[in-house]
Protein backbone atom coordinates (compact mmCIF):
# COMPACT_ATOMS: atom_id res chain seq x y z
CA MET A 1 -8.56 31.14 -10.97
CA ILE A 2 -10.87 33.85 -9.66
CA LYS A 3 -13.12 35.92 -11.91
CA ASP A 4 -15.57 38.74 -11.12
CA ILE A 5 -18.84 38.35 -13.00
CA THR A 6 -22.15 40.22 -13.00
CA ILE A 7 -25.59 38.92 -13.94
CA THR A 8 -29.05 40.47 -14.04
CA LEU A 9 -32.17 38.68 -12.86
CA PRO A 10 -35.91 39.26 -13.09
CA SER A 11 -37.25 40.40 -9.73
CA ASN A 12 -39.10 37.12 -9.16
CA MET A 13 -35.96 34.99 -9.52
CA GLN A 14 -33.82 36.28 -6.65
CA ASN A 15 -34.40 33.11 -4.59
CA ASN A 16 -34.33 30.63 -7.48
CA ASP A 17 -30.90 29.03 -6.94
CA SER A 18 -31.02 26.78 -10.01
CA PHE A 19 -31.91 29.71 -12.28
CA ILE A 20 -29.09 31.81 -10.76
CA GLN A 21 -26.57 28.98 -11.21
CA LYS A 22 -27.61 28.63 -14.84
CA LYS A 23 -27.15 32.36 -15.45
CA LEU A 24 -23.75 32.33 -13.74
CA PHE A 25 -22.41 29.50 -15.89
CA GLU A 26 -23.82 31.16 -19.01
CA GLU A 27 -21.90 34.33 -18.10
CA LEU A 28 -18.72 32.33 -17.52
CA LYS A 29 -19.15 30.71 -20.92
CA LYS A 30 -19.32 34.17 -22.52
CA THR A 31 -16.16 35.18 -20.68
CA PHE A 32 -14.26 32.00 -21.55
CA PRO A 33 -15.86 30.82 -24.82
CA ASN A 34 -13.07 28.39 -25.67
CA GLU A 35 -12.67 26.86 -22.21
CA ARG A 36 -14.43 23.94 -20.63
CA ILE A 37 -15.72 24.95 -17.18
CA ASP A 38 -15.96 22.08 -14.70
CA LYS A 39 -19.22 22.74 -12.86
CA THR A 40 -18.23 20.39 -10.03
CA ASP A 41 -15.11 22.42 -9.32
CA THR A 42 -16.51 25.94 -9.71
CA TYR A 43 -17.90 27.96 -6.82
CA PHE A 44 -19.70 31.30 -6.69
CA VAL A 45 -19.71 33.80 -3.82
CA CYS A 46 -22.12 36.76 -3.97
CA GLN A 47 -20.33 40.08 -3.50
CA LYS A 48 -23.08 42.66 -4.06
CA LYS A 49 -26.80 42.76 -4.76
CA SER A 50 -28.63 45.86 -5.97
CA ILE A 51 -32.00 46.76 -7.49
CA ASP A 52 -32.20 48.57 -10.84
CA ALA A 53 -35.67 50.06 -11.30
CA ARG A 54 -34.81 52.39 -14.16
CA HIS A 55 -36.55 52.47 -17.53
CA GLY A 56 -39.80 51.06 -16.18
CA LYS A 57 -38.52 47.53 -15.60
CA VAL A 58 -37.23 46.22 -12.28
CA LYS A 59 -34.28 43.85 -12.26
CA LEU A 60 -31.69 42.60 -9.81
CA VAL A 61 -28.02 43.18 -10.49
CA MET A 62 -25.86 40.51 -8.83
CA ARG A 63 -22.07 40.62 -8.65
CA TYR A 64 -20.19 37.39 -7.85
CA LYS A 65 -16.68 36.07 -7.48
CA ALA A 66 -16.32 32.86 -9.47
CA TYR A 67 -13.73 30.45 -8.04
CA ILE A 68 -12.73 28.19 -10.92
CA GLY A 69 -10.75 25.13 -9.88
CA GLU A 70 -10.41 26.25 -6.26
CA LYS A 71 -12.59 26.62 -3.21
CA PRO A 72 -13.50 30.00 -1.66
CA SER A 73 -12.47 28.74 1.78
CA GLU A 74 -8.88 28.74 0.58
CA GLN A 75 -9.08 32.50 0.22
CA SER A 76 -8.87 34.62 3.37
CA GLU A 77 -8.96 38.10 1.80
CA ASP A 78 -12.66 38.58 2.50
CA LYS A 79 -12.75 36.86 5.87
CA PHE A 80 -12.73 38.92 9.04
CA ILE A 81 -10.24 37.75 11.65
CA PRO A 82 -10.13 39.80 14.88
CA HIS A 83 -6.73 40.91 16.14
CA TRP A 84 -7.78 42.44 19.43
CA LEU A 85 -5.51 42.20 22.47
CA SER A 86 -6.26 42.39 26.17
CA ALA A 87 -5.95 45.96 27.43
CA ASN A 88 -2.81 47.12 29.19
CA PRO A 89 -4.07 49.19 32.17
CA ASN A 90 -0.98 51.40 31.93
CA LYS A 91 -1.87 52.46 28.39
CA LYS A 92 -5.19 54.30 28.27
CA VAL A 93 -7.20 56.65 26.08
CA ILE A 94 -10.44 58.38 27.04
CA ILE A 95 -13.23 58.09 24.48
CA VAL A 96 -16.12 60.52 24.95
CA GLY A 97 -19.17 59.00 23.28
CA SER A 98 -20.14 55.39 22.57
CA GLY A 99 -21.46 55.89 19.05
CA PRO A 100 -19.85 54.22 16.02
CA ALA A 101 -16.76 56.46 16.09
CA GLY A 102 -16.22 55.68 19.77
CA LEU A 103 -16.90 51.93 19.60
CA PHE A 104 -14.88 51.25 16.46
CA GLY A 105 -12.14 53.51 17.78
CA ALA A 106 -12.09 51.41 20.97
CA PHE A 107 -11.61 48.18 19.01
CA THR A 108 -8.80 49.84 17.05
CA LEU A 109 -7.02 50.78 20.28
CA LEU A 110 -7.34 47.19 21.49
CA GLU A 111 -5.49 45.99 18.40
CA HIS A 112 -2.53 47.67 20.11
CA GLY A 113 -3.41 46.62 23.65
CA ILE A 114 -4.43 50.18 24.63
CA LYS A 115 -7.22 50.47 27.18
CA PRO A 116 -10.26 52.51 26.08
CA ILE A 117 -12.12 54.34 28.84
CA ILE A 118 -15.51 55.07 27.27
CA ILE A 119 -17.63 57.89 28.69
CA GLU A 120 -21.31 57.94 27.69
CA ARG A 121 -23.85 60.44 28.98
CA GLY A 122 -26.77 58.16 28.07
CA GLU A 123 -27.86 54.73 29.21
CA GLU A 124 -27.09 51.21 28.04
CA ALA A 125 -29.29 50.15 25.13
CA SER A 126 -31.68 48.07 27.26
CA PHE A 127 -32.42 50.91 29.71
CA ARG A 128 -32.36 53.53 26.98
CA LYS A 129 -35.13 51.70 25.12
CA ARG A 130 -37.53 52.24 28.02
CA THR A 131 -36.51 55.87 28.43
CA ILE A 132 -37.10 56.54 24.73
CA ALA A 133 -40.58 54.98 24.93
CA GLU A 134 -41.61 57.70 27.39
CA ILE A 135 -41.12 60.36 24.72
CA SER A 136 -44.08 58.89 22.83
CA THR A 137 -46.19 57.72 25.76
CA LYS A 138 -45.69 60.62 28.17
CA GLY A 139 -44.08 63.37 26.10
CA VAL A 140 -41.09 63.31 28.46
CA VAL A 141 -37.61 63.93 27.03
CA ASP A 142 -34.58 62.88 29.06
CA ALA A 143 -31.82 65.36 28.18
CA ASN A 144 -29.10 62.74 28.55
CA SER A 145 -30.69 59.52 27.26
CA ASN A 146 -32.86 59.71 24.15
CA TYR A 147 -32.79 58.92 20.44
CA CYS A 148 -29.53 60.87 20.05
CA PHE A 149 -27.66 60.10 23.30
CA GLY A 150 -26.89 56.67 24.70
CA GLU A 151 -25.12 53.42 23.93
CA GLY A 152 -24.45 53.08 20.21
CA GLY A 153 -25.20 56.72 19.44
CA ALA A 154 -28.00 58.20 17.36
CA GLY A 155 -28.13 55.23 14.97
CA THR A 156 -29.02 52.59 17.56
CA PHE A 157 -32.71 53.47 17.68
CA SER A 158 -33.00 55.28 14.39
CA ASP A 159 -32.48 52.71 11.69
CA GLY A 160 -28.97 51.33 11.41
CA LYS A 161 -28.42 52.34 7.77
CA LEU A 162 -24.94 51.32 6.65
CA TYR A 163 -24.87 52.79 3.16
CA THR A 164 -22.20 55.41 2.56
CA ARG A 165 -20.57 57.09 -0.42
CA SER A 166 -17.39 57.76 1.61
CA ASN A 167 -15.43 55.13 -0.32
CA LYS A 168 -12.08 56.90 0.03
CA ARG A 169 -12.28 57.56 3.77
CA GLY A 170 -11.56 54.07 5.01
CA ASN A 171 -12.26 50.36 4.84
CA ILE A 172 -16.03 50.02 4.40
CA PRO A 173 -15.99 46.19 4.20
CA LEU A 174 -14.13 46.04 7.53
CA VAL A 175 -16.88 48.01 9.29
CA LEU A 176 -19.57 45.77 7.80
CA GLN A 177 -17.61 42.64 8.73
CA ILE A 178 -17.30 43.76 12.35
CA PHE A 179 -21.04 44.44 12.55
CA ASN A 180 -21.67 41.00 11.06
CA HIS A 181 -19.20 39.46 13.53
CA PHE A 182 -21.34 40.79 16.37
CA GLY A 183 -24.64 39.52 15.03
CA ALA A 184 -25.82 41.68 12.12
CA ASP A 185 -27.34 39.70 9.26
CA SER A 186 -24.79 38.60 6.64
CA LYS A 187 -26.92 40.39 4.00
CA ILE A 188 -25.18 43.62 4.99
CA LEU A 189 -22.03 42.24 3.36
CA THR A 190 -23.67 42.04 -0.07
CA ASP A 191 -26.63 44.44 -0.20
CA ALA A 192 -25.92 47.62 -2.13
CA HIS A 193 -27.72 49.62 0.56
CA PRO A 194 -27.07 47.59 3.73
CA HIS A 195 -29.32 48.09 6.71
CA ILE A 196 -29.41 46.40 10.13
CA GLY A 197 -32.74 47.66 11.46
CA THR A 198 -33.54 49.44 14.69
CA ASP A 199 -35.01 46.22 16.14
CA LYS A 200 -31.72 44.35 15.59
CA LEU A 201 -29.00 46.95 16.11
CA PRO A 202 -29.31 47.31 19.94
CA ASN A 203 -28.37 43.64 20.37
CA VAL A 204 -25.39 44.09 18.05
CA ILE A 205 -24.22 47.12 20.03
CA THR A 206 -24.64 45.25 23.32
CA ALA A 207 -22.52 42.38 21.99
CA MET A 208 -19.81 44.86 21.00
CA ARG A 209 -19.79 46.35 24.49
CA GLU A 210 -19.60 42.92 26.13
CA LYS A 211 -16.55 42.04 24.00
CA LEU A 212 -14.86 45.33 24.82
CA LEU A 213 -15.41 44.72 28.54
CA GLU A 214 -14.06 41.19 28.20
CA LEU A 215 -10.85 42.62 26.70
CA GLY A 216 -10.43 45.12 29.54
CA ALA A 217 -12.14 48.27 28.26
CA GLU A 218 -13.94 50.46 30.78
CA PHE A 219 -17.44 51.93 30.36
CA HIS A 220 -19.02 54.79 32.32
CA PHE A 221 -22.69 55.20 31.42
CA CYS A 222 -24.86 58.11 32.61
CA THR A 223 -21.61 60.04 32.79
CA LYS A 224 -21.30 63.38 31.06
CA CYS A 225 -18.09 65.18 30.07
CA ILE A 226 -18.45 68.72 31.44
CA ASP A 227 -14.89 70.05 31.08
CA LEU A 228 -11.44 69.31 29.71
CA LEU A 229 -8.44 69.22 32.02
CA ILE A 230 -5.74 71.18 30.20
CA GLU A 231 -2.22 72.19 31.21
CA GLU A 232 -0.13 74.32 28.87
CA ASN A 233 -2.49 73.57 25.98
CA CYS A 234 -2.16 69.81 26.54
CA ILE A 235 -4.95 67.41 27.54
CA LYS A 236 -4.50 65.82 30.95
CA GLY A 237 -7.97 64.32 31.23
CA ILE A 238 -11.62 65.28 31.56
CA LYS A 239 -14.04 66.32 34.27
CA VAL A 240 -17.26 64.31 34.32
CA GLN A 241 -20.61 64.44 36.07
CA ASP A 242 -22.87 61.56 37.01
CA THR A 243 -26.18 62.46 35.34
CA LYS A 244 -28.18 60.66 38.04
CA THR A 245 -26.50 61.98 41.20
CA GLY A 246 -24.85 65.17 39.97
CA GLN A 247 -21.52 64.14 41.52
CA THR A 248 -18.39 65.20 39.65
CA SER A 249 -15.00 63.53 39.30
CA GLU A 250 -11.90 63.54 37.12
CA ILE A 251 -10.57 60.91 34.73
CA LEU A 252 -6.94 61.28 33.70
CA ALA A 253 -5.29 60.44 30.37
CA ASN A 254 -3.12 62.30 27.87
CA SER A 255 -5.29 61.46 24.87
CA VAL A 256 -9.02 62.05 24.41
CA LEU A 257 -11.05 60.89 21.42
CA LEU A 258 -13.97 63.32 21.27
CA ALA A 259 -16.79 61.43 19.53
CA THR A 260 -19.91 62.96 21.03
CA GLY A 261 -22.29 63.05 18.05
CA HIS A 262 -24.11 65.84 16.22
CA SER A 263 -26.40 66.85 19.11
CA SER A 264 -23.94 67.63 21.91
CA VAL A 265 -24.55 71.36 22.09
CA ASP A 266 -22.96 71.61 25.54
CA VAL A 267 -19.69 70.10 24.27
CA TYR A 268 -19.46 72.66 21.48
CA THR A 269 -20.22 75.56 23.81
CA MET A 270 -17.67 74.22 26.34
CA LEU A 271 -14.98 74.10 23.64
CA HIS A 272 -15.96 77.52 22.36
CA LYS A 273 -15.51 78.90 25.84
CA ILE A 274 -12.12 77.20 26.31
CA GLU A 275 -10.76 78.16 22.88
CA PRO A 276 -13.03 79.83 20.28
CA LEU A 277 -10.50 79.15 17.52
CA ALA A 278 -10.80 75.39 18.10
CA LEU A 279 -14.09 75.43 16.13
CA GLU A 280 -15.32 76.60 12.77
CA ALA A 281 -18.81 76.98 11.29
CA LYS A 282 -19.79 74.59 8.52
CA THR A 283 -22.65 73.93 6.14
CA PHE A 284 -25.58 71.93 7.47
CA ALA A 285 -29.19 71.33 6.38
CA VAL A 286 -32.70 71.80 7.79
CA GLY A 287 -36.14 70.82 6.54
CA VAL A 288 -39.05 68.45 7.11
CA ARG A 289 -39.97 64.77 6.88
CA VAL A 290 -42.15 63.76 3.95
CA GLU A 291 -44.29 60.71 4.69
CA HIS A 292 -46.32 58.70 2.18
CA PRO A 293 -48.40 55.55 2.46
CA ARG A 294 -45.83 52.95 1.50
CA TYR A 295 -47.75 51.68 -1.52
CA ILE A 296 -47.42 55.07 -3.25
CA ILE A 297 -43.62 54.94 -3.19
CA ASP A 298 -43.52 51.20 -4.00
CA ASN A 299 -45.75 51.74 -7.04
CA ALA A 300 -43.76 54.76 -8.20
CA MET A 301 -40.34 53.10 -7.92
CA TYR A 302 -41.21 49.56 -8.98
CA HIS A 303 -43.87 50.53 -11.56
CA SER A 304 -46.03 47.77 -10.10
CA LYS A 305 -47.94 47.12 -6.91
CA ASP A 306 -46.83 43.48 -6.68
CA ILE A 307 -43.04 43.61 -6.90
CA SER A 308 -42.63 44.99 -3.36
CA LYS A 309 -43.76 41.57 -2.09
CA GLN A 310 -40.64 40.13 -3.70
CA LEU A 311 -38.14 42.92 -3.15
CA GLY A 312 -39.43 44.70 -0.04
CA ALA A 313 -40.22 48.38 0.42
CA ALA A 314 -38.86 50.69 -2.27
CA GLU A 315 -36.29 53.42 -1.74
CA TYR A 316 -35.84 56.71 -3.53
CA ARG A 317 -33.20 59.40 -3.59
CA PHE A 318 -33.63 63.01 -4.66
CA THR A 319 -31.09 65.79 -5.16
CA SER A 320 -31.48 69.23 -6.69
CA GLN A 321 -30.21 72.78 -6.69
CA GLN A 322 -32.74 75.46 -5.87
CA GLU A 323 -31.69 79.12 -5.96
CA GLY A 324 -28.07 78.37 -5.17
CA ARG A 325 -28.63 75.87 -2.37
CA GLY A 326 -28.81 72.11 -2.42
CA VAL A 327 -32.18 70.54 -1.57
CA TYR A 328 -32.10 66.79 -1.17
CA SER A 329 -33.65 63.75 0.44
CA PHE A 330 -31.87 62.31 3.45
CA CYS A 331 -32.19 59.11 5.50
CA MET A 332 -34.96 57.64 3.35
CA CYS A 333 -36.84 55.06 5.45
CA PRO A 334 -38.83 52.59 3.30
CA GLY A 335 -41.50 50.80 5.30
CA GLY A 336 -40.45 52.89 8.28
CA PHE A 337 -41.49 55.32 10.98
CA ILE A 338 -40.98 58.95 11.95
CA VAL A 339 -39.52 59.20 15.46
CA PRO A 340 -39.06 62.01 18.03
CA SER A 341 -35.39 62.99 18.40
CA ALA A 342 -35.42 65.99 20.74
CA THR A 343 -32.62 66.13 23.30
CA LYS A 344 -34.31 68.40 25.82
CA GLU A 345 -37.70 69.75 26.82
CA GLU A 346 -39.46 72.40 24.74
CA GLN A 347 -37.99 71.40 21.39
CA ILE A 348 -39.29 69.19 18.61
CA VAL A 349 -36.81 67.33 16.43
CA ILE A 350 -37.80 64.44 14.16
CA ASN A 351 -35.93 61.66 12.43
CA GLY A 352 -36.76 58.47 10.56
CA MET A 353 -36.09 54.79 11.12
CA SER A 354 -37.02 51.34 9.85
CA ALA A 355 -37.09 47.93 11.46
CA ALA A 356 -35.14 45.14 9.78
CA GLY A 357 -38.24 43.98 7.90
CA ARG A 358 -39.06 47.46 6.60
CA ASN A 359 -42.69 46.43 6.70
CA SER A 360 -44.66 49.36 8.13
CA ALA A 361 -47.47 50.92 6.12
CA TRP A 362 -45.48 54.13 5.51
CA SER A 363 -42.31 55.31 3.84
CA ASN A 364 -40.65 58.60 4.75
CA ALA A 365 -37.60 60.71 4.00
CA ALA A 366 -36.18 64.00 5.14
CA PHE A 367 -36.22 66.80 2.57
CA VAL A 368 -33.68 69.39 3.66
CA VAL A 369 -32.21 72.66 2.45
CA GLU A 370 -28.52 73.54 2.73
CA ILE A 371 -27.67 76.25 5.24
CA TYR A 372 -24.38 78.08 4.77
CA PRO A 373 -22.75 79.99 7.64
CA GLU A 374 -23.46 83.25 5.79
CA ASP A 375 -27.19 82.38 5.75
CA ILE A 376 -27.51 82.54 9.54
CA PRO A 377 -28.11 86.32 9.90
CA LEU A 378 -30.95 86.11 7.35
CA LEU A 379 -32.47 83.07 9.08
CA VAL A 380 -32.30 84.82 12.44
CA LYS A 381 -34.18 87.73 10.89
CA GLN A 382 -36.77 85.50 9.17
CA CYS A 383 -37.43 83.69 12.46
CA SER A 384 -37.77 87.03 14.34
CA LEU A 385 -35.11 85.94 16.83
CA ASP A 386 -33.26 88.23 19.18
CA MET A 387 -29.75 86.84 18.74
CA SER A 388 -27.11 89.52 19.23
CA LEU A 389 -23.97 87.45 18.62
CA ASP A 390 -20.95 89.53 17.72
CA ASN A 391 -19.71 88.86 14.18
CA MET A 392 -22.52 86.37 13.66
CA GLU A 393 -21.27 85.29 10.24
CA GLN A 394 -17.85 84.44 11.67
CA ASN A 395 -19.04 83.03 15.01
CA ALA A 396 -18.45 79.28 14.93
CA ILE A 397 -21.49 78.39 17.04
CA ALA A 398 -23.98 80.87 15.55
CA GLY A 399 -25.55 78.14 13.37
CA LEU A 400 -25.74 75.83 16.35
CA LEU A 401 -27.57 78.41 18.45
CA TRP A 402 -29.95 79.21 15.58
CA ARG A 403 -30.69 75.49 15.18
CA GLU A 404 -31.62 75.24 18.86
CA ALA A 405 -33.85 78.30 18.58
CA PHE A 406 -35.56 76.89 15.49
CA GLU A 407 -36.23 73.58 17.25
CA HIS A 408 -37.96 75.57 19.98
CA ILE A 409 -40.00 77.44 17.35
CA THR A 410 -41.11 74.06 16.00
CA PHE A 411 -42.13 73.06 19.53
CA LEU A 412 -44.27 76.20 19.85
CA HIS A 413 -46.18 75.21 16.69
CA GLY A 414 -46.76 71.69 18.00
CA SER A 415 -48.25 70.44 21.25
CA GLY A 416 -45.85 68.79 23.67
CA GLN A 417 -44.08 66.22 21.49
CA LYS A 418 -46.96 66.24 18.99
CA ALA A 419 -45.29 67.62 15.88
CA PRO A 420 -46.64 70.32 13.55
CA ALA A 421 -47.76 68.81 10.24
CA GLN A 422 -49.42 69.77 6.96
CA ARG A 423 -50.59 67.88 3.91
CA LEU A 424 -48.10 68.37 1.06
CA GLU A 425 -50.86 69.55 -1.28
CA ASP A 426 -51.93 72.17 1.27
CA PHE A 427 -48.33 73.30 1.76
CA LEU A 428 -48.06 73.96 -1.97
CA SER A 429 -51.50 75.63 -2.06
CA HIS A 430 -50.65 77.76 1.00
CA LYS A 431 -53.65 76.75 3.05
CA GLU A 432 -54.48 75.08 6.34
CA SER A 433 -54.95 71.31 6.47
CA LEU A 434 -58.43 70.82 7.88
CA SER A 435 -57.66 67.14 8.41
CA LEU A 436 -54.48 65.10 8.50
CA PRO A 437 -53.83 61.56 7.26
CA LYS A 438 -52.70 58.76 9.53
CA THR A 439 -49.03 58.89 10.43
CA SER A 440 -46.34 56.60 11.83
CA TYR A 441 -45.21 59.33 14.26
CA ALA A 442 -46.22 57.85 17.63
CA PRO A 443 -46.49 61.04 19.76
CA GLY A 444 -49.01 62.37 17.24
CA ILE A 445 -49.30 65.42 14.99
CA VAL A 446 -51.21 68.70 14.95
CA SER A 447 -52.27 70.73 11.94
CA SER A 448 -49.99 73.71 11.33
CA ARG A 449 -49.32 76.11 8.46
CA LEU A 450 -45.69 75.11 7.83
CA ASP A 451 -45.75 77.30 4.75
CA ASP A 452 -46.38 80.30 7.05
CA TRP A 453 -43.70 79.85 9.72
CA LEU A 454 -40.85 77.98 8.04
CA PRO A 455 -38.19 80.55 7.10
CA ALA A 456 -38.59 81.67 3.49
CA HIS A 457 -35.02 80.49 2.83
CA ILE A 458 -36.25 76.95 3.53
CA GLU A 459 -39.94 77.10 2.55
CA ASN A 460 -39.43 78.49 -0.96
CA ARG A 461 -36.75 75.98 -1.88
CA LEU A 462 -38.74 73.05 -0.49
CA GLU A 463 -41.72 74.07 -2.59
CA MET A 464 -39.63 74.05 -5.76
CA ALA A 465 -38.00 70.75 -4.84
CA PHE A 466 -41.32 69.00 -4.15
CA LYS A 467 -42.62 70.02 -7.57
CA GLN A 468 -39.45 68.72 -9.18
CA ALA A 469 -39.62 65.43 -7.23
CA ASN A 470 -43.17 64.90 -8.48
CA LYS A 471 -41.86 64.75 -12.04
CA THR A 472 -39.74 61.67 -11.33
CA ILE A 473 -41.63 60.01 -8.46
CA ARG A 474 -45.18 59.43 -9.66
CA GLY A 475 -47.72 60.35 -6.96
CA PHE A 476 -45.20 62.18 -4.79
CA ILE A 477 -47.60 65.10 -4.53
CA SER A 478 -50.83 63.45 -3.45
CA LYS A 479 -53.64 63.96 -0.96
CA ASP A 480 -52.10 61.56 1.58
CA ALA A 481 -48.54 62.90 1.37
CA LEU A 482 -47.71 64.49 4.73
CA LEU A 483 -45.06 66.98 5.88
CA VAL A 484 -43.90 66.77 9.51
CA ALA A 485 -41.57 69.37 11.06
CA SER A 486 -38.75 69.78 11.74
CA GLU A 487 -35.72 67.78 10.60
CA THR A 488 -32.64 69.60 11.90
CA ARG A 489 -30.01 67.01 12.84
CA THR A 490 -28.81 65.78 9.46
CA SER A 491 -25.36 67.01 10.48
CA THR A 492 -23.77 69.44 12.88
CA PRO A 493 -23.39 73.17 12.05
CA VAL A 494 -19.92 73.08 13.66
CA ARG A 495 -16.60 71.43 12.90
CA ILE A 496 -13.97 70.86 15.58
CA LEU A 497 -10.68 71.58 13.86
CA ARG A 498 -7.97 68.94 13.57
CA ASP A 499 -4.58 68.72 11.90
CA LYS A 500 -4.60 66.56 8.78
CA THR A 501 -1.41 64.78 9.83
CA THR A 502 -1.58 64.48 13.61
CA GLY A 503 -5.38 64.22 13.91
CA GLN A 504 -5.26 66.57 16.91
CA ASN A 505 -6.97 69.86 17.47
CA PRO A 506 -4.29 72.46 16.65
CA PHE A 507 -5.01 74.40 19.85
CA ILE A 508 -5.38 71.53 22.33
CA LYS A 509 -2.70 68.83 22.11
CA GLY A 510 -4.03 65.35 22.79
CA LEU A 511 -7.62 66.18 21.77
CA TYR A 512 -8.66 64.04 18.81
CA PRO A 513 -12.06 65.06 17.33
CA ALA A 514 -13.86 62.24 15.52
CA GLY A 515 -17.09 61.27 13.85
CA GLU A 516 -20.23 63.04 12.77
CA GLY A 517 -20.39 65.36 15.75
CA SER A 518 -16.93 66.74 15.07
CA GLY A 519 -17.81 67.41 11.46
CA TYR A 520 -15.87 64.60 9.76
CA ALA A 521 -18.54 62.01 8.96
CA GLY A 522 -22.17 61.66 7.96
CA GLY A 523 -23.58 58.40 9.21
CA ILE A 524 -22.79 55.13 10.96
CA VAL A 525 -20.18 53.73 8.58
CA SER A 526 -18.31 56.97 7.88
CA SER A 527 -18.28 57.72 11.62
CA ALA A 528 -16.93 54.24 12.38
CA MET A 529 -14.20 54.68 9.77
CA ASP A 530 -13.28 58.06 11.24
CA GLY A 531 -13.00 56.56 14.73
CA ILE A 532 -10.74 53.85 13.31
CA LYS A 533 -8.62 56.45 11.53
CA GLN A 534 -8.19 58.67 14.58
CA CYS A 535 -7.42 55.82 16.98
CA THR A 536 -4.89 54.39 14.53
CA ILE A 537 -3.10 57.73 14.67
CA ILE A 538 -3.27 57.74 18.49
CA ALA A 539 -1.86 54.21 18.72
CA GLN A 540 0.98 54.97 16.31
CA THR A 541 2.04 58.39 17.61
CA GLU A 542 1.17 58.78 21.29
CA GLU A 543 3.61 57.78 24.01
CA PHE A 544 2.09 55.80 26.87
């Protein structure tokens, strides 16, 4: 017999096995008061662990499967067993982008023996790591290999958070099991907010690539898709360019999974040129990073300065509505760092990440304001931009072009890759920060009146949201709370259309948009699930 049971523990008992066993058997006794439970023939397997810090008292909530009279090993429902086949070279699909949608899509194709040909404009993780370091040490941004582009996608060097609320979009446990299969800590299978860590994820991604190559997949790094080969509205392949030599070539296949991520501006503009109706504008969000000394957030969330030693750095989540637009926290990084995420020179873009230990002296989160397509004309005006797009409100890439312009505006208020920053108290008081606190942002920061140059659409709503956050997160507004600009890549302003049944773009047969960049996901796990979904459709419907 198998029974799901849940227990709660004091925060200091999470590693006390005898105490946990006692609580588990007590809970079973409540469930089966008239039955004798044989302790020697009962086994418990942890399914989920979460922290409940509500009501001023921190406790752990643990969910288990109790196997009564049988061993867990006899059950295979939760065990991951790969079913990948060697690739048939006569059956091939091009995958543009080696992020989670591309990699998990590739494994899905190999379940059917279909060969994935993976095109990635950036470098392998090991080389990419050195290239990324130069952003902080030299202020040099490689347009093709950076925090957003390269093996594993944007998540590889910016955290590896695996939490998602997209429960109906696919098989979340499968994605976590595959990551675990390739070396991620088994804690991701049970933690309520699983997280690999930017120091661990590159090795996991490398192991995934090595397995794909072993099965016959093909990788082309430092190779950029610059055009689609189309005949009579049908995909015949892609044109690519070597980013090191500039040489171009063609790769042929009748199916292309387009999984390029949220920062591939050139891909969107290429598609818009080929077929403007293939795209539509969508809601996105823009704002700043809020950074606190970690102890402030730990104290606020745990109501004690000591519990973080037991439970690790504390997380928070904030959502609100301000004047008809959502304002919310995004990608909260407890014990983390702010990192530079620009994808070309003369722009500043920031993001957050944490190592597996989440043990830095800071905690940060993006605070962003929703931008609707109809907001773009006003934002263009508030930023004093000369953008004369026809039918701006209906133009699918208007938001994308505004985002690029705003990232350049942020650059002009910084210094190289040193980001513009302001104390939160000074932002709310509308005054210059004469000094700035220490920050985790390695390139450095410069004092700037964010309250002066952020568009009013964003600045006013952030101000209201910060005041509201201070009511629930004690010490949120404090002298050492820092704002760093700008956070612009929470999602893409563009969606590449696809048919709900066939998965294809309705105007280009054989083009399968996927993942966060195409507008159908919002993080590592949801992107992976979308890649699985799209490649399942390809395998079941395409003729090879």
